[in-house]
Amino acid sequence: MKELIILSFFITASLGRAAIILWANQEIAIPNSSVGVYLNPATGETHTSESVGFSNTAVNFFFRGQGILSTEDFMPARLGTGRLDPIRRLYPGDLVNGTLTFGPQGNGGSSGHVSTVPAPDQFESGVPGYLGFQLDLNEDGQYVFGWMRVTFSSGAEEAAIHEWAYRTAPGQEIIVGVVPEPSTWVGGFLGACLVMAFQRKRKGG
């Protein structure tokens, strides 16, 4: 049943050299716990099991998004060059490309990126914002660029992962918040084929 729900929001758009994959209207809650929620942006898979951990996933949001852990498959844009430097808040119209700092390749984390009175590059508690990322989509060491709309909270507000999008070709920049026009959608069968292909590859089939 979960796979059918994912497919209903899985949209591809042909934009010349590559497609954009959009996972819209996901509304994945980020619990106020040390476990939080684990996500695989390539397949939409999530879980909230500490014992399962990063199996088949790439990024973990916890304590309502005040904490983030990630594997080398998912590298968020940061304010510094270290793998523990805070992630950078982006805005609609910003570009996610090689000019951003993603830190060294490998597992990483982030804290201190949420504030009630934020600096321009920080996330404001309870207010939706965007982060940029590099994603090893096919687990071949080649990264695609993407963005994710999230709400983090340092108080009582609900926190969630709302939606995300990424290019399918490595190295091609993407515009934050821009989604394909309905006239360019290539949905349904192609989207289902792509999801199943990603799942088979990750399972070694």
C-alpha atoms as a PDB file:
ATOM      1  CA  MET A   1       0.000   0.000   0.000  1.00  0.00           C
ATOM      2  CA  LYS A   2       2.852   2.352   0.817  1.00  0.00           C
ATOM      3  CA  GLU A   3       4.337   1.819  -2.636  1.00  0.00           C
ATOM      4  CA  LEU A   4       1.058   2.860  -4.295  1.00  0.00           C
ATOM      5  CA  ILE A   5       0.968   6.047  -2.220  1.00  0.00           C
ATOM      6  CA  ILE A   6       4.532   6.831  -3.220  1.00  0.00           C
ATOM      7  CA  LEU A   7       3.778   6.276  -6.878  1.00  0.00           C
ATOM      8  CA  SER A   8       0.851   8.678  -6.738  1.00  0.00           C
ATOM      9  CA  PHE A   9       3.295  11.479  -5.887  1.00  0.00           C
ATOM     10  CA  PHE A  10       6.229  10.281  -8.000  1.00  0.00           C
ATOM     11  CA  ILE A  11       6.554  12.628 -10.974  1.00  0.00           C
ATOM     12  CA  THR A  12       9.194  12.866 -13.677  1.00  0.00           C
ATOM     13  CA  ALA A  13       9.677  15.757 -16.034  1.00  0.00           C
ATOM     14  CA  SER A  14      11.750  15.871 -19.168  1.00  0.00           C
ATOM     15  CA  LEU A  15      13.874  19.013 -19.115  1.00  0.00           C
ATOM     16  CA  GLY A  16      16.275  18.572 -22.015  1.00  0.00           C
ATOM     17  CA  ARG A  17      19.420  16.871 -20.768  1.00  0.00           C
ATOM     18  CA  ALA A  18      17.946  15.181 -17.705  1.00  0.00           C
ATOM     19  CA  ALA A  19      14.792  14.624 -15.726  1.00  0.00           C
ATOM     20  CA  ILE A  20      13.740  16.017 -12.359  1.00  0.00           C
ATOM     21  CA  ILE A  21      12.259  13.583  -9.866  1.00  0.00           C
ATOM     22  CA  LEU A  22       9.778  15.204  -7.476  1.00  0.00           C
ATOM     23  CA  TRP A  23       8.509  13.512  -4.315  1.00  0.00           C
ATOM     24  CA  ALA A  24       5.644  15.870  -3.432  1.00  0.00           C
ATOM     25  CA  ASN A  25       3.218  16.028  -0.487  1.00  0.00           C
ATOM     26  CA  GLN A  26       5.111  13.488   1.611  1.00  0.00           C
ATOM     27  CA  GLU A  27       4.570  15.139   5.040  1.00  0.00           C
ATOM     28  CA  ILE A  28       6.867  12.753   6.917  1.00  0.00           C
ATOM     29  CA  ALA A  29       6.818  13.611  10.624  1.00  0.00           C
ATOM     30  CA  ILE A  30      10.133  14.102  12.433  1.00  0.00           C
ATOM     31  CA  PRO A  31       9.596  12.840  16.007  1.00  0.00           C
ATOM     32  CA  ASN A  32      10.988  14.575  19.072  1.00  0.00           C
ATOM     33  CA  SER A  33      13.195  11.611  19.939  1.00  0.00           C
ATOM     34  CA  SER A  34      16.796  10.492  19.567  1.00  0.00           C
ATOM     35  CA  VAL A  35      15.708   7.973  16.929  1.00  0.00           C
ATOM     36  CA  GLY A  36      13.639  10.336  14.775  1.00  0.00           C
ATOM     37  CA  VAL A  37      12.980   9.178  11.222  1.00  0.00           C
ATOM     38  CA  TYR A  38      15.275   7.620   8.623  1.00  0.00           C
ATOM     39  CA  LEU A  39      14.766   8.410   4.924  1.00  0.00           C
ATOM     40  CA  ASN A  40      16.039   7.160   1.575  1.00  0.00           C
ATOM     41  CA  PRO A  41      15.384  10.053  -0.849  1.00  0.00           C
ATOM     42  CA  ALA A  42      15.950   7.812  -3.880  1.00  0.00           C
ATOM     43  CA  THR A  43      13.161   5.363  -3.035  1.00  0.00           C
ATOM     44  CA  GLY A  44      11.023   7.245  -0.505  1.00  0.00           C
ATOM     45  CA  GLU A  45      11.582   4.497   2.067  1.00  0.00           C
ATOM     46  CA  THR A  46      11.315   5.581   5.716  1.00  0.00           C
ATOM     47  CA  HIS A  47      11.423   3.901   9.104  1.00  0.00           C
ATOM     48  CA  THR A  48      11.670   4.824  12.781  1.00  0.00           C
ATOM     49  CA  SER A  49      13.582   1.818  14.122  1.00  0.00           C
ATOM     50  CA  GLU A  50      16.836   2.333  15.984  1.00  0.00           C
ATOM     51  CA  SER A  51      17.747  -1.328  15.483  1.00  0.00           C
ATOM     52  CA  VAL A  52      17.376  -1.015  11.700  1.00  0.00           C
ATOM     53  CA  GLY A  53      19.300   2.263  11.605  1.00  0.00           C
ATOM     54  CA  PHE A  54      20.680   3.292   8.219  1.00  0.00           C
ATOM     55  CA  SER A  55      19.815   0.034   6.468  1.00  0.00           C
ATOM     56  CA  ASN A  56      18.458   1.000   2.993  1.00  0.00           C
ATOM     57  CA  THR A  57      18.318   4.680   4.012  1.00  0.00           C
ATOM     58  CA  ALA A  58      20.700   7.626   3.752  1.00  0.00           C
ATOM     59  CA  VAL A  59      19.726  10.400   6.192  1.00  0.00           C
ATOM     60  CA  ASN A  60      18.313  10.526   9.731  1.00  0.00           C
ATOM     61  CA  PHE A  61      16.407  13.528  11.157  1.00  0.00           C
ATOM     62  CA  PHE A  62      15.814  13.503  14.927  1.00  0.00           C
ATOM     63  CA  PHE A  63      14.750  15.749  17.827  1.00  0.00           C
ATOM     64  CA  ARG A  64      12.295  17.524  15.470  1.00  0.00           C
ATOM     65  CA  GLY A  65      15.104  18.137  12.989  1.00  0.00           C
ATOM     66  CA  GLN A  66      17.498  19.794  15.416  1.00  0.00           C
ATOM     67  CA  GLY A  67      19.837  16.884  14.754  1.00  0.00           C
ATOM     68  CA  ILE A  68      20.786  15.317  11.438  1.00  0.00           C
ATOM     69  CA  LEU A  69      22.993  12.337  10.637  1.00  0.00           C
ATOM     70  CA  SER A  70      23.774  11.219   7.101  1.00  0.00           C
ATOM     71  CA  THR A  71      25.730   8.606   5.201  1.00  0.00           C
ATOM     72  CA  GLU A  72      28.075   9.300   2.291  1.00  0.00           C
ATOM     73  CA  ASP A  73      25.111   8.691  -0.055  1.00  0.00           C
ATOM     74  CA  PHE A  74      23.404  11.918   1.133  1.00  0.00           C
ATOM     75  CA  MET A  75      25.563  15.013   1.608  1.00  0.00           C
ATOM     76  CA  PRO A  76      23.719  18.216   2.644  1.00  0.00           C
ATOM     77  CA  ALA A  77      25.055  21.661   1.777  1.00  0.00           C
ATOM     78  CA  ARG A  78      26.859  23.117   4.808  1.00  0.00           C
ATOM     79  CA  LEU A  79      28.102  26.411   6.202  1.00  0.00           C
ATOM     80  CA  GLY A  80      31.635  25.057   6.433  1.00  0.00           C
ATOM     81  CA  THR A  81      33.931  22.409   5.001  1.00  0.00           C
ATOM     82  CA  GLY A  82      33.692  19.976   7.928  1.00  0.00           C
ATOM     83  CA  ARG A  83      31.380  16.979   7.988  1.00  0.00           C
ATOM     84  CA  LEU A  84      29.853  18.213  11.266  1.00  0.00           C
ATOM     85  CA  ASP A  85      29.369  21.858  10.265  1.00  0.00           C
ATOM     86  CA  PRO A  86      25.745  23.107  10.325  1.00  0.00           C
ATOM     87  CA  ILE A  87      23.653  22.602   7.221  1.00  0.00           C
ATOM     88  CA  ARG A  88      22.809  25.735   5.247  1.00  0.00           C
ATOM     89  CA  ARG A  89      19.284  27.024   4.801  1.00  0.00           C
ATOM     90  CA  LEU A  90      18.475  27.787   1.169  1.00  0.00           C
ATOM     91  CA  TYR A  91      15.667  29.842  -0.366  1.00  0.00           C
ATOM     92  CA  PRO A  92      13.388  29.459  -3.406  1.00  0.00           C
ATOM     93  CA  GLY A  93      15.320  30.344  -6.542  1.00  0.00           C
ATOM     94  CA  ASP A  94      18.741  29.461  -5.110  1.00  0.00           C
ATOM     95  CA  LEU A  95      20.877  27.079  -7.154  1.00  0.00           C
ATOM     96  CA  VAL A  96      22.115  23.745  -5.853  1.00  0.00           C
ATOM     97  CA  ASN A  97      25.358  23.036  -7.691  1.00  0.00           C
ATOM     98  CA  GLY A  98      29.078  22.614  -7.197  1.00  0.00           C
ATOM     99  CA  THR A  99      29.533  26.125  -5.811  1.00  0.00           C
ATOM    100  CA  LEU A 100      27.951  25.036  -2.512  1.00  0.00           C
ATOM    101  CA  THR A 101      29.967  23.344   0.224  1.00  0.00           C
ATOM    102  CA  PHE A 102      28.922  19.777   0.972  1.00  0.00           C
ATOM    103  CA  GLY A 103      31.801  18.831   3.252  1.00  0.00           C
ATOM    104  CA  PRO A 104      34.131  15.857   2.813  1.00  0.00           C
ATOM    105  CA  GLN A 105      32.737  12.596   1.489  1.00  0.00           C
ATOM    106  CA  GLY A 106      31.635  10.236   4.241  1.00  0.00           C
ATOM    107  CA  ASN A 107      29.232  10.057   7.159  1.00  0.00           C
ATOM    108  CA  GLY A 108      28.315  13.411   8.680  1.00  0.00           C
ATOM    109  CA  GLY A 109      26.062  15.248  11.098  1.00  0.00           C
ATOM    110  CA  SER A 110      24.640  18.653  11.892  1.00  0.00           C
ATOM    111  CA  SER A 111      23.311  20.582  14.875  1.00  0.00           C
ATOM    112  CA  GLY A 112      22.942  24.268  15.619  1.00  0.00           C
ATOM    113  CA  HIS A 113      21.138  24.905  12.339  1.00  0.00           C
ATOM    114  CA  VAL A 114      17.776  25.762  14.004  1.00  0.00           C
ATOM    115  CA  SER A 115      17.085  28.937  16.004  1.00  0.00           C
ATOM    116  CA  THR A 116      14.121  30.982  17.205  1.00  0.00           C
ATOM    117  CA  VAL A 117      15.957  34.097  15.956  1.00  0.00           C
ATOM    118  CA  PRO A 118      17.951  32.698  13.039  1.00  0.00           C
ATOM    119  CA  ALA A 119      20.737  34.163  10.975  1.00  0.00           C
ATOM    120  CA  PRO A 120      20.066  34.267   7.217  1.00  0.00           C
ATOM    121  CA  ASP A 121      21.588  30.805   6.686  1.00  0.00           C
ATOM    122  CA  GLN A 122      19.844  29.167   9.656  1.00  0.00           C
ATOM    123  CA  PHE A 123      16.448  27.470   9.798  1.00  0.00           C
ATOM    124  CA  GLU A 124      13.789  29.299  11.804  1.00  0.00           C
ATOM    125  CA  SER A 125      12.000  27.088  14.305  1.00  0.00           C
ATOM    126  CA  GLY A 126       8.563  26.073  13.052  1.00  0.00           C
ATOM    127  CA  VAL A 127       8.999  27.786   9.656  1.00  0.00           C
ATOM    128  CA  PRO A 128       9.441  25.773   6.430  1.00  0.00           C
ATOM    129  CA  GLY A 129      12.819  26.121   4.743  1.00  0.00           C
ATOM    130  CA  TYR A 130      14.972  24.376   2.175  1.00  0.00           C
ATOM    131  CA  LEU A 131      18.193  22.434   2.295  1.00  0.00           C
ATOM    132  CA  GLY A 132      20.328  21.420  -0.665  1.00  0.00           C
ATOM    133  CA  PHE A 133      21.964  18.036  -1.068  1.00  0.00           C
ATOM    134  CA  GLN A 134      24.105  15.733  -3.160  1.00  0.00           C
ATOM    135  CA  LEU A 135      22.685  12.227  -3.596  1.00  0.00           C
ATOM    136  CA  ASP A 136      24.473   9.103  -4.819  1.00  0.00           C
ATOM    137  CA  LEU A 137      21.373   8.050  -6.707  1.00  0.00           C
ATOM    138  CA  ASN A 138      22.673   4.830  -8.237  1.00  0.00           C
ATOM    139  CA  GLU A 139      25.324   4.025  -5.597  1.00  0.00           C
ATOM    140  CA  ASP A 140      28.099   4.385  -8.148  1.00  0.00           C
ATOM    141  CA  GLY A 141      29.993   7.318  -6.627  1.00  0.00           C
ATOM    142  CA  GLN A 142      28.286   9.819  -8.958  1.00  0.00           C
ATOM    143  CA  TYR A 143      26.244  12.524  -7.200  1.00  0.00           C
ATOM    144  CA  VAL A 144      23.112  14.308  -8.378  1.00  0.00           C
ATOM    145  CA  PHE A 145      21.941  17.640  -6.940  1.00  0.00           C
ATOM    146  CA  GLY A 146      18.624  18.121  -5.141  1.00  0.00           C
ATOM    147  CA  TRP A 147      16.620  20.186  -2.675  1.00  0.00           C
ATOM    148  CA  MET A 148      14.322  19.314   0.224  1.00  0.00           C
ATOM    149  CA  ARG A 149      11.605  21.405   1.901  1.00  0.00           C
ATOM    150  CA  VAL A 150      11.478  20.805   5.644  1.00  0.00           C
ATOM    151  CA  THR A 151      10.184  22.283   8.886  1.00  0.00           C
ATOM    152  CA  PHE A 152      12.485  21.941  11.898  1.00  0.00           C
ATOM    153  CA  SER A 153      11.515  22.888  15.438  1.00  0.00           C
ATOM    154  CA  SER A 154      13.350  23.788  18.626  1.00  0.00           C
ATOM    155  CA  GLY A 155      10.048  24.192  20.485  1.00  0.00           C
ATOM    156  CA  ALA A 156       6.620  22.607  20.461  1.00  0.00           C
ATOM    157  CA  GLU A 157       5.908  23.081  16.737  1.00  0.00           C
ATOM    158  CA  GLU A 158       5.476  20.037  14.525  1.00  0.00           C
ATOM    159  CA  ALA A 159       8.460  19.120  12.359  1.00  0.00           C
ATOM    160  CA  ALA A 160       8.249  17.377   9.005  1.00  0.00           C
ATOM    161  CA  ILE A 161       9.854  16.555   5.680  1.00  0.00           C
ATOM    162  CA  HIS A 162       7.400  18.023   3.185  1.00  0.00           C
ATOM    163  CA  GLU A 163       8.862  17.222  -0.227  1.00  0.00           C
ATOM    164  CA  TRP A 164      12.094  16.882  -2.166  1.00  0.00           C
ATOM    165  CA  ALA A 165      13.350  16.859  -5.733  1.00  0.00           C
ATOM    166  CA  TYR A 166      16.553  15.976  -7.565  1.00  0.00           C
ATOM    167  CA  ARG A 167      18.058  15.768 -11.036  1.00  0.00           C
ATOM    168  CA  THR A 168      18.692  12.331 -12.517  1.00  0.00           C
ATOM    169  CA  ALA A 169      22.003  13.227 -14.197  1.00  0.00           C
ATOM    170  CA  PRO A 170      25.145  13.777 -12.095  1.00  0.00           C
ATOM    171  CA  GLY A 171      26.536  17.289 -11.886  1.00  0.00           C
ATOM    172  CA  GLN A 172      23.505  19.142 -13.265  1.00  0.00           C
ATOM    173  CA  GLU A 173      22.315  22.009 -11.062  1.00  0.00           C
ATOM    174  CA  ILE A 174      18.746  22.337  -9.824  1.00  0.00           C
ATOM    175  CA  ILE A 175      16.744  25.413  -8.794  1.00  0.00           C
ATOM    176  CA  VAL A 176      15.413  25.303  -5.227  1.00  0.00           C
ATOM    177  CA  GLY A 177      11.626  25.094  -5.033  1.00  0.00           C
ATOM    178  CA  VAL A 178      11.080  24.813  -8.782  1.00  0.00           C
ATOM    179  CA  VAL A 179       8.831  21.926  -9.832  1.00  0.00           C
ATOM    180  CA  PRO A 180       7.916  20.796 -13.340  1.00  0.00           C
ATOM    181  CA  GLU A 181       4.962  22.318 -15.145  1.00  0.00           C
ATOM    182  CA  PRO A 182       2.054  19.875 -15.554  1.00  0.00           C
ATOM    183  CA  SER A 183       2.404  20.031 -19.349  1.00  0.00           C
ATOM    184  CA  THR A 184       5.875  18.463 -19.075  1.00  0.00           C
ATOM    185  CA  TRP A 185       4.983  15.635 -16.692  1.00  0.00           C
ATOM    186  CA  VAL A 186       5.731  12.102 -17.773  1.00  0.00           C
ATOM    187  CA  GLY A 187       3.980  10.227 -14.995  1.00  0.00           C
ATOM    188  CA  GLY A 188       2.420   6.862 -14.350  1.00  0.00           C
ATOM    189  CA  PHE A 189       4.221   4.033 -16.093  1.00  0.00           C
ATOM    190  CA  LEU A 190       7.633   5.714 -16.362  1.00  0.00           C
ATOM    191  CA  GLY A 191       7.573   6.724 -12.707  1.00  0.00           C
ATOM    192  CA  ALA A 192       6.642   3.202 -11.622  1.00  0.00           C
ATOM    193  CA  CYS A 193       9.429   1.729 -13.743  1.00  0.00           C
ATOM    194  CA  LEU A 194      11.992   4.064 -12.197  1.00  0.00           C
ATOM    195  CA  VAL A 195      10.916   3.253  -8.634  1.00  0.00           C
ATOM    196  CA  MET A 196      11.065  -0.485  -9.274  1.00  0.00           C
ATOM    197  CA  ALA A 197      14.469  -0.138 -10.949  1.00  0.00           C
ATOM    198  CA  PHE A 198      15.872   1.737  -7.927  1.00  0.00           C
ATOM    199  CA  GLN A 199      14.453  -0.859  -5.550  1.00  0.00           C
ATOM    200  CA  ARG A 200      15.837  -3.800  -7.541  1.00  0.00           C
ATOM    201  CA  LYS A 201      19.283  -2.194  -7.702  1.00  0.00           C
ATOM    202  CA  ARG A 202      19.401  -1.550  -3.957  1.00  0.00           C
ATOM    203  CA  LYS A 203      18.317  -5.149  -3.258  1.00  0.00           C
ATOM    204  CA  GLY A 204      20.903  -6.506  -5.671  1.00  0.00           C
ATOM    205  CA  GLY A 205      18.305  -7.935  -8.061  1.00  0.00           C
END
